[in-house]
Amino acid sequence: MTAKLHECEAGLKPRAFKIHFTTQTSYIRQKPTNHDPPLLYHLEHDPEERIDIAADHPEVVKELTALAEAHKESIEPVEDQLAKRIDGE
């Protein structure tokens, strides 16, 4: 399975599924919403991401959560350049 991380949405999109661990409708003065359990969508059947199917597919949620955790563990932390600009450094 191939997975792609959408960092701004904190979601993975393998096959036709897309999972959201965090969502944010605006990047100006709005804090992200964390989802536990995460939201799961089937993009071929629901391209507008309106119907959360996580409860119907716990095995997909488990698999994608494991992929996300493995991906996070493989990333080396770097300095947050955006925070530096916001803080005026």
PDB file of N, CA and C in Angstrom:
ATOM      1  N   MET A   1       0.845  -1.175   0.000  1.00  0.00           N
ATOM      2  CA  MET A   1       0.000   0.000   0.000  1.00  0.00           C
ATOM      3  C   MET A   1       0.889   1.237   0.000  1.00  0.00           C
ATOM      4  N   THR A   2       0.536   2.193  -0.821  1.00  0.00           N
ATOM      5  CA  THR A   2       1.258   3.450  -0.870  1.00  0.00           C
ATOM      6  C   THR A   2       0.470   4.495  -0.105  1.00  0.00           C
ATOM      7  N   ALA A   3       1.146   5.253   0.726  1.00  0.00           N
ATOM      8  CA  ALA A   3       0.468   6.284   1.515  1.00  0.00           C
ATOM      9  C   ALA A   3       1.139   7.624   1.288  1.00  0.00           C
ATOM     10  N   LYS A   4       0.352   8.654   1.303  1.00  0.00           N
ATOM     11  CA  LYS A   4       0.865  10.012   1.160  1.00  0.00           C
ATOM     12  C   LYS A   4       0.367  10.817   2.349  1.00  0.00           C
ATOM     13  N   LEU A   5       1.260  11.547   2.972  1.00  0.00           N
ATOM     14  CA  LEU A   5       0.881  12.357   4.118  1.00  0.00           C
ATOM     15  C   LEU A   5       0.542  13.758   3.655  1.00  0.00           C
ATOM     16  N   HIS A   6      -0.640  14.208   4.001  1.00  0.00           N
ATOM     17  CA  HIS A   6      -1.055  15.583   3.755  1.00  0.00           C
ATOM     18  C   HIS A   6      -0.808  16.324   5.057  1.00  0.00           C
ATOM     19  N   GLU A   7       0.314  17.031   5.151  1.00  0.00           N
ATOM     20  CA  GLU A   7       0.706  17.599   6.430  1.00  0.00           C
ATOM     21  C   GLU A   7      -0.274  18.620   6.963  1.00  0.00           C
ATOM     22  N   CYS A   8      -0.852  19.460   6.109  1.00  0.00           N
ATOM     23  CA  CYS A   8      -1.751  20.495   6.618  1.00  0.00           C
ATOM     24  C   CYS A   8      -3.043  19.893   7.143  1.00  0.00           C
ATOM     25  N   GLU A   9      -3.410  18.721   6.673  1.00  0.00           N
ATOM     26  CA  GLU A   9      -4.622  18.073   7.153  1.00  0.00           C
ATOM     27  C   GLU A   9      -4.309  16.926   8.107  1.00  0.00           C
ATOM     28  N   ALA A  10      -3.012  16.620   8.215  1.00  0.00           N
ATOM     29  CA  ALA A  10      -2.591  15.495   9.034  1.00  0.00           C
ATOM     30  C   ALA A  10      -3.376  14.250   8.673  1.00  0.00           C
ATOM     31  N   GLY A  11      -3.465  13.968   7.420  1.00  0.00           N
ATOM     32  CA  GLY A  11      -4.210  12.805   6.950  1.00  0.00           C
ATOM     33  C   GLY A  11      -3.388  11.943   6.017  1.00  0.00           C
ATOM     34  N   LEU A  12      -3.795  10.692   5.905  1.00  0.00           N
ATOM     35  CA  LEU A  12      -3.172   9.773   4.969  1.00  0.00           C
ATOM     36  C   LEU A  12      -4.188   9.376   3.923  1.00  0.00           C
ATOM     37  N   LYS A  13      -3.725   9.168   2.697  1.00  0.00           N
ATOM     38  CA  LYS A  13      -4.640   8.818   1.620  1.00  0.00           C
ATOM     39  C   LYS A  13      -4.109   7.621   0.827  1.00  0.00           C
ATOM     40  N   PRO A  14      -4.217   6.409   1.346  1.00  0.00           N
ATOM     41  CA  PRO A  14      -3.877   5.253   0.539  1.00  0.00           C
ATOM     42  C   PRO A  14      -5.124   4.705  -0.135  1.00  0.00           C
ATOM     43  N   ARG A  15      -4.936   4.089  -1.275  1.00  0.00           N
ATOM     44  CA  ARG A  15      -6.062   3.538  -2.035  1.00  0.00           C
ATOM     45  C   ARG A  15      -7.151   4.598  -2.164  1.00  0.00           C
ATOM     46  N   ALA A  16      -8.373   4.231  -1.878  1.00  0.00           N
ATOM     47  CA  ALA A  16      -9.490   5.168  -2.005  1.00  0.00           C
ATOM     48  C   ALA A  16      -9.861   5.787  -0.664  1.00  0.00           C
ATOM     49  N   PHE A  17      -9.153   5.412   0.400  1.00  0.00           N
ATOM     50  CA  PHE A  17      -9.483   5.935   1.726  1.00  0.00           C
ATOM     51  C   PHE A  17      -8.625   7.147   2.063  1.00  0.00           C
ATOM     52  N   LYS A  18      -9.209   8.032   2.857  1.00  0.00           N
ATOM     53  CA  LYS A  18      -8.463   9.168   3.397  1.00  0.00           C
ATOM     54  C   LYS A  18      -8.850   9.303   4.861  1.00  0.00           C
ATOM     55  N   ILE A  19      -7.829   9.411   5.709  1.00  0.00           N
ATOM     56  CA  ILE A  19      -8.068   9.506   7.147  1.00  0.00           C
ATOM     57  C   ILE A  19      -7.568  10.852   7.647  1.00  0.00           C
ATOM     58  N   HIS A  20      -8.345  11.457   8.552  1.00  0.00           N
ATOM     59  CA  HIS A  20      -7.972  12.740   9.145  1.00  0.00           C
ATOM     60  C   HIS A  20      -7.802  12.557  10.651  1.00  0.00           C
ATOM     61  N   PHE A  21      -6.609  12.857  11.124  1.00  0.00           N
ATOM     62  CA  PHE A  21      -6.361  12.859  12.559  1.00  0.00           C
ATOM     63  C   PHE A  21      -6.597  14.261  13.114  1.00  0.00           C
ATOM     64  N   THR A  22      -6.423  15.261  12.258  1.00  0.00           N
ATOM     65  CA  THR A  22      -6.598  16.664  12.613  1.00  0.00           C
ATOM     66  C   THR A  22      -7.203  17.380  11.421  1.00  0.00           C
ATOM     67  N   THR A  23      -8.105  18.318  11.668  1.00  0.00           N
ATOM     68  CA  THR A  23      -8.632  19.157  10.597  1.00  0.00           C
ATOM     69  C   THR A  23      -8.567  20.613  11.036  1.00  0.00           C
ATOM     70  N   GLN A  24      -8.539  21.483  10.031  1.00  0.00           N
ATOM     71  CA  GLN A  24      -8.506  22.913  10.281  1.00  0.00           C
ATOM     72  C   GLN A  24      -9.153  23.597   9.085  1.00  0.00           C
ATOM     73  N   THR A  25     -10.256  24.294   9.301  1.00  0.00           N
ATOM     74  CA  THR A  25     -10.975  24.895   8.184  1.00  0.00           C
ATOM     75  C   THR A  25     -10.364  26.215   7.740  1.00  0.00           C
ATOM     76  N   SER A  26      -9.592  26.856   8.608  1.00  0.00           N
ATOM     77  CA  SER A  26      -8.948  28.116   8.261  1.00  0.00           C
ATOM     78  C   SER A  26      -7.587  28.152   8.940  1.00  0.00           C
ATOM     79  N   TYR A  27      -6.626  28.748   8.291  1.00  0.00           N
ATOM     80  CA  TYR A  27      -5.284  28.835   8.870  1.00  0.00           C
ATOM     81  C   TYR A  27      -5.027  30.189   9.497  1.00  0.00           C
ATOM     82  N   ILE A  28      -6.052  31.031   9.548  1.00  0.00           N
ATOM     83  CA  ILE A  28      -5.912  32.346  10.147  1.00  0.00           C
ATOM     84  C   ILE A  28      -6.714  32.360  11.448  1.00  0.00           C
ATOM     85  N   ARG A  29      -6.017  32.408  12.553  1.00  0.00           N
ATOM     86  CA  ARG A  29      -6.624  32.518  13.889  1.00  0.00           C
ATOM     87  C   ARG A  29      -7.595  31.390  14.240  1.00  0.00           C
ATOM     88  N   GLN A  30      -7.388  30.235  13.696  1.00  0.00           N
ATOM     89  CA  GLN A  30      -8.223  29.105  14.083  1.00  0.00           C
ATOM     90  C   GLN A  30      -7.327  27.936  14.459  1.00  0.00           C
ATOM     91  N   LYS A  31      -7.622  27.338  15.577  1.00  0.00           N
ATOM     92  CA  LYS A  31      -6.827  26.210  16.041  1.00  0.00           C
ATOM     93  C   LYS A  31      -7.338  24.928  15.382  1.00  0.00           C
ATOM     94  N   PRO A  32      -6.430  23.978  15.159  1.00  0.00           N
ATOM     95  CA  PRO A  32      -6.846  22.698  14.576  1.00  0.00           C
ATOM     96  C   PRO A  32      -7.726  21.904  15.538  1.00  0.00           C
ATOM     97  N   THR A  33      -8.555  21.044  14.965  1.00  0.00           N
ATOM     98  CA  THR A  33      -9.394  20.133  15.734  1.00  0.00           C
ATOM     99  C   THR A  33      -8.803  18.736  15.608  1.00  0.00           C
ATOM    100  N   ASN A  34      -8.458  18.132  16.733  1.00  0.00           N
ATOM    101  CA  ASN A  34      -7.945  16.763  16.739  1.00  0.00           C
ATOM    102  C   ASN A  34      -9.118  15.798  16.799  1.00  0.00           C
ATOM    103  N   HIS A  35      -9.009  14.693  16.076  1.00  0.00           N
ATOM    104  CA  HIS A  35     -10.079  13.704  16.018  1.00  0.00           C
ATOM    105  C   HIS A  35      -9.600  12.376  16.588  1.00  0.00           C
ATOM    106  N   ASP A  36     -10.263  11.930  17.633  1.00  0.00           N
ATOM    107  CA  ASP A  36      -9.964  10.644  18.242  1.00  0.00           C
ATOM    108  C   ASP A  36     -11.293   9.984  18.607  1.00  0.00           C
ATOM    109  N   PRO A  37     -11.753   9.053  17.811  1.00  0.00           N
ATOM    110  CA  PRO A  37     -11.063   8.407  16.698  1.00  0.00           C
ATOM    111  C   PRO A  37     -10.988   9.325  15.481  1.00  0.00           C
ATOM    112  N   PRO A  38     -10.049   9.012  14.582  1.00  0.00           N
ATOM    113  CA  PRO A  38      -9.912   9.826  13.376  1.00  0.00           C
ATOM    114  C   PRO A  38     -11.115   9.687  12.446  1.00  0.00           C
ATOM    115  N   LEU A  39     -11.244  10.637  11.540  1.00  0.00           N
ATOM    116  CA  LEU A  39     -12.299  10.598  10.527  1.00  0.00           C
ATOM    117  C   LEU A  39     -11.797   9.791   9.333  1.00  0.00           C
ATOM    118  N   LEU A  40     -12.661   8.990   8.735  1.00  0.00           N
ATOM    119  CA  LEU A  40     -12.279   8.176   7.584  1.00  0.00           C
ATOM    120  C   LEU A  40     -13.298   8.385   6.469  1.00  0.00           C
ATOM    121  N   TYR A  41     -12.778   8.605   5.251  1.00  0.00           N
ATOM    122  CA  TYR A  41     -13.639   8.811   4.089  1.00  0.00           C
ATOM    123  C   TYR A  41     -13.214   7.885   2.962  1.00  0.00           C
ATOM    124  N   HIS A  42     -14.175   7.469   2.152  1.00  0.00           N
ATOM    125  CA  HIS A  42     -13.908   6.695   0.937  1.00  0.00           C
ATOM    126  C   HIS A  42     -14.070   7.665  -0.219  1.00  0.00           C
ATOM    127  N   LEU A  43     -12.948   8.078  -0.810  1.00  0.00           N
ATOM    128  CA  LEU A  43     -12.972   9.159  -1.789  1.00  0.00           C
ATOM    129  C   LEU A  43     -13.651   8.804  -3.103  1.00  0.00           C
ATOM    130  N   GLU A  44     -13.691   7.539  -3.464  1.00  0.00           N
ATOM    131  CA  GLU A  44     -14.385   7.160  -4.698  1.00  0.00           C
ATOM    132  C   GLU A  44     -15.900   7.269  -4.530  1.00  0.00           C
ATOM    133  N   HIS A  45     -16.397   6.968  -3.330  1.00  0.00           N
ATOM    134  CA  HIS A  45     -17.838   7.025  -3.064  1.00  0.00           C
ATOM    135  C   HIS A  45     -18.270   8.368  -2.483  1.00  0.00           C
ATOM    136  N   ASP A  46     -17.341   9.079  -1.875  1.00  0.00           N
ATOM    137  CA  ASP A  46     -17.654  10.324  -1.169  1.00  0.00           C
ATOM    138  C   ASP A  46     -16.525  11.338  -1.388  1.00  0.00           C
ATOM    139  N   PRO A  47     -16.361  11.848  -2.608  1.00  0.00           N
ATOM    140  CA  PRO A  47     -15.243  12.750  -2.896  1.00  0.00           C
ATOM    141  C   PRO A  47     -15.304  14.079  -2.136  1.00  0.00           C
ATOM    142  N   GLU A  48     -16.470  14.446  -1.640  1.00  0.00           N
ATOM    143  CA  GLU A  48     -16.596  15.690  -0.882  1.00  0.00           C
ATOM    144  C   GLU A  48     -16.322  15.509   0.605  1.00  0.00           C
ATOM    145  N   GLU A  49     -16.013  14.285   1.001  1.00  0.00           N
ATOM    146  CA  GLU A  49     -15.667  13.958   2.390  1.00  0.00           C
ATOM    147  C   GLU A  49     -16.747  14.433   3.364  1.00  0.00           C
ATOM    148  N   ARG A  50     -17.957  13.966   3.144  1.00  0.00           N
ATOM    149  CA  ARG A  50     -19.084  14.342   4.001  1.00  0.00           C
ATOM    150  C   ARG A  50     -19.512  13.222   4.945  1.00  0.00           C
ATOM    151  N   ILE A  51     -19.196  11.954   4.599  1.00  0.00           N
ATOM    152  CA  ILE A  51     -19.676  10.818   5.389  1.00  0.00           C
ATOM    153  C   ILE A  51     -18.491  10.110   6.040  1.00  0.00           C
ATOM    154  N   ASP A  52     -18.386  10.244   7.351  1.00  0.00           N
ATOM    155  CA  ASP A  52     -17.325   9.583   8.112  1.00  0.00           C
ATOM    156  C   ASP A  52     -17.683   8.102   8.253  1.00  0.00           C
ATOM    157  N   ILE A  53     -16.824   7.229   7.735  1.00  0.00           N
ATOM    158  CA  ILE A  53     -17.086   5.785   7.759  1.00  0.00           C
ATOM    159  C   ILE A  53     -16.147   5.033   8.693  1.00  0.00           C
ATOM    160  N   ALA A  54     -15.486   5.752   9.588  1.00  0.00           N
ATOM    161  CA  ALA A  54     -14.516   5.122  10.493  1.00  0.00           C
ATOM    162  C   ALA A  54     -15.126   3.992  11.316  1.00  0.00           C
ATOM    163  N   ALA A  55     -16.343   4.182  11.805  1.00  0.00           N
ATOM    164  CA  ALA A  55     -16.988   3.157  12.637  1.00  0.00           C
ATOM    165  C   ALA A  55     -17.278   1.884  11.849  1.00  0.00           C
ATOM    166  N   ASP A  56     -17.469   2.021  10.539  1.00  0.00           N
ATOM    167  CA  ASP A  56     -17.764   0.868   9.684  1.00  0.00           C
ATOM    168  C   ASP A  56     -16.509   0.131   9.218  1.00  0.00           C
ATOM    169  N   HIS A  57     -15.342   0.765   9.351  1.00  0.00           N
ATOM    170  CA  HIS A  57     -14.093   0.177   8.858  1.00  0.00           C
ATOM    171  C   HIS A  57     -12.969   0.317   9.883  1.00  0.00           C
ATOM    172  N   PRO A  58     -13.126  -0.268  11.070  1.00  0.00           N
ATOM    173  CA  PRO A  58     -12.088  -0.129  12.092  1.00  0.00           C
ATOM    174  C   PRO A  58     -10.743  -0.723  11.670  1.00  0.00           C
ATOM    175  N   GLU A  59     -10.771  -1.744  10.801  1.00  0.00           N
ATOM    176  CA  GLU A  59      -9.509  -2.345  10.342  1.00  0.00           C
ATOM    177  C   GLU A  59      -8.713  -1.366   9.477  1.00  0.00           C
ATOM    178  N   VAL A  60      -9.397  -0.543   8.682  1.00  0.00           N
ATOM    179  CA  VAL A  60      -8.719   0.458   7.854  1.00  0.00           C
ATOM    180  C   VAL A  60      -8.156   1.559   8.748  1.00  0.00           C
ATOM    181  N   VAL A  61      -8.941   1.979   9.740  1.00  0.00           N
ATOM    182  CA  VAL A  61      -8.467   2.997  10.680  1.00  0.00           C
ATOM    183  C   VAL A  61      -7.220   2.501  11.399  1.00  0.00           C
ATOM    184  N   LYS A  62      -7.241   1.254  11.842  1.00  0.00           N
ATOM    185  CA  LYS A  62      -6.087   0.673  12.547  1.00  0.00           C
ATOM    186  C   LYS A  62      -4.859   0.628  11.640  1.00  0.00           C
ATOM    187  N   GLU A  63      -5.039   0.187  10.399  1.00  0.00           N
ATOM    188  CA  GLU A  63      -3.927   0.090   9.455  1.00  0.00           C
ATOM    189  C   GLU A  63      -3.348   1.465   9.134  1.00  0.00           C
ATOM    190  N   LEU A  64      -4.212   2.446   8.866  1.00  0.00           N
ATOM    191  CA  LEU A  64      -3.733   3.779   8.512  1.00  0.00           C
ATOM    192  C   LEU A  64      -3.105   4.492   9.703  1.00  0.00           C
ATOM    193  N   THR A  65      -3.634   4.241  10.903  1.00  0.00           N
ATOM    194  CA  THR A  65      -3.039   4.817  12.104  1.00  0.00           C
ATOM    195  C   THR A  65      -1.632   4.261  12.310  1.00  0.00           C
ATOM    196  N   ALA A  66      -1.455   2.972  12.078  1.00  0.00           N
ATOM    197  CA  ALA A  66      -0.126   2.360  12.197  1.00  0.00           C
ATOM    198  C   ALA A  66       0.836   2.944  11.157  1.00  0.00           C
ATOM    199  N   LEU A  67       0.356   3.160   9.939  1.00  0.00           N
ATOM    200  CA  LEU A  67       1.192   3.785   8.902  1.00  0.00           C
ATOM    201  C   LEU A  67       1.596   5.199   9.299  1.00  0.00           C
ATOM    202  N   ALA A  68       0.654   5.956   9.849  1.00  0.00           N
ATOM    203  CA  ALA A  68       0.946   7.329  10.263  1.00  0.00           C
ATOM    204  C   ALA A  68       1.983   7.345  11.380  1.00  0.00           C
ATOM    205  N   GLU A  69       1.838   6.456  12.348  1.00  0.00           N
ATOM    206  CA  GLU A  69       2.800   6.391  13.453  1.00  0.00           C
ATOM    207  C   GLU A  69       4.194   6.010  12.948  1.00  0.00           C
ATOM    208  N   ALA A  70       4.254   5.046  12.042  1.00  0.00           N
ATOM    209  CA  ALA A  70       5.553   4.649  11.479  1.00  0.00           C
ATOM    210  C   ALA A  70       6.180   5.812  10.718  1.00  0.00           C
ATOM    211  N   HIS A  71       5.359   6.549   9.998  1.00  0.00           N
ATOM    212  CA  HIS A  71       5.873   7.706   9.261  1.00  0.00           C
ATOM    213  C   HIS A  71       6.415   8.768  10.219  1.00  0.00           C
ATOM    214  N   LYS A  72       5.660   9.068  11.277  1.00  0.00           N
ATOM    215  CA  LYS A  72       6.105  10.067  12.259  1.00  0.00           C
ATOM    216  C   LYS A  72       7.436   9.679  12.893  1.00  0.00           C
ATOM    217  N   GLU A  73       7.585   8.393  13.200  1.00  0.00           N
ATOM    218  CA  GLU A  73       8.830   7.918  13.818  1.00  0.00           C
ATOM    219  C   GLU A  73      10.017   8.022  12.879  1.00  0.00           C
ATOM    220  N   SER A  74       9.772   8.050  11.584  1.00  0.00           N
ATOM    221  CA  SER A  74      10.867   8.095  10.611  1.00  0.00           C
ATOM    222  C   SER A  74      11.330   9.521  10.301  1.00  0.00           C
ATOM    223  N   ILE A  75      10.611  10.527  10.802  1.00  0.00           N
ATOM    224  CA  ILE A  75      10.919  11.924  10.487  1.00  0.00           C
ATOM    225  C   ILE A  75      11.890  12.493  11.512  1.00  0.00           C
ATOM    226  N   GLU A  76      12.918  13.169  11.016  1.00  0.00           N
ATOM    227  CA  GLU A  76      13.858  13.855  11.897  1.00  0.00           C
ATOM    228  C   GLU A  76      13.344  15.276  12.126  1.00  0.00           C
ATOM    229  N   PRO A  77      13.236  15.730  13.368  1.00  0.00           N
ATOM    230  CA  PRO A  77      12.736  17.078  13.639  1.00  0.00           C
ATOM    231  C   PRO A  77      13.667  18.149  13.063  1.00  0.00           C
ATOM    232  N   VAL A  78      13.076  19.234  12.602  1.00  0.00           N
ATOM    233  CA  VAL A  78      13.835  20.387  12.107  1.00  0.00           C
ATOM    234  C   VAL A  78      13.268  21.648  12.746  1.00  0.00           C
ATOM    235  N   GLU A  79      14.014  22.729  12.658  1.00  0.00           N
ATOM    236  CA  GLU A  79      13.577  23.999  13.210  1.00  0.00           C
ATOM    237  C   GLU A  79      12.360  24.517  12.443  1.00  0.00           C
ATOM    238  N   ASP A  80      11.374  25.037  13.151  1.00  0.00           N
ATOM    239  CA  ASP A  80      10.142  25.553  12.557  1.00  0.00           C
ATOM    240  C   ASP A  80      10.398  26.949  11.998  1.00  0.00           C
ATOM    241  N   GLN A  81      10.582  27.038  10.692  1.00  0.00           N
ATOM    242  CA  GLN A  81      10.887  28.311  10.052  1.00  0.00           C
ATOM    243  C   GLN A  81       9.695  29.261  10.076  1.00  0.00           C
ATOM    244  N   LEU A  82       8.490  28.749   9.962  1.00  0.00           N
ATOM    245  CA  LEU A  82       7.296  29.594   9.989  1.00  0.00           C
ATOM    246  C   LEU A  82       7.139  30.263  11.353  1.00  0.00           C
ATOM    247  N   ALA A  83       7.362  29.528  12.418  1.00  0.00           N
ATOM    248  CA  ALA A  83       7.243  30.089  13.757  1.00  0.00           C
ATOM    249  C   ALA A  83       8.242  31.222  13.949  1.00  0.00           C
ATOM    250  N   LYS A  84       9.428  31.091  13.379  1.00  0.00           N
ATOM    251  CA  LYS A  84      10.418  32.139  13.472  1.00  0.00           C
ATOM    252  C   LYS A  84       9.921  33.426  12.818  1.00  0.00           C
ATOM    253  N   ARG A  85       9.269  33.294  11.664  1.00  0.00           N
ATOM    254  CA  ARG A  85       8.747  34.478  10.966  1.00  0.00           C
ATOM    255  C   ARG A  85       7.603  35.110  11.743  1.00  0.00           C
ATOM    256  N   ILE A  86       6.739  34.276  12.306  1.00  0.00           N
ATOM    257  CA  ILE A  86       5.593  34.790  13.063  1.00  0.00           C
ATOM    258  C   ILE A  86       6.070  35.504  14.317  1.00  0.00           C
ATOM    259  N   ASP A  87       7.093  34.938  14.964  1.00  0.00           N
ATOM    260  CA  ASP A  87       7.627  35.546  16.190  1.00  0.00           C
ATOM    261  C   ASP A  87       8.496  36.755  15.899  1.00  0.00           C
ATOM    262  N   GLY A  88       8.766  37.037  14.627  1.00  0.00           N
ATOM    263  CA  GLY A  88       9.537  38.223  14.249  1.00  0.00           C
ATOM    264  C   GLY A  88      11.036  38.074  14.360  1.00  0.00           C
ATOM    265  N   GLU A  89      11.523  36.871  14.351  1.00  0.00           N
ATOM    266  CA  GLU A  89      12.985  36.675  14.440  1.00  0.00           C
ATOM    267  C   GLU A  89      13.635  36.948  13.108  1.00  0.00           C
TER     268      GLU A  89
END
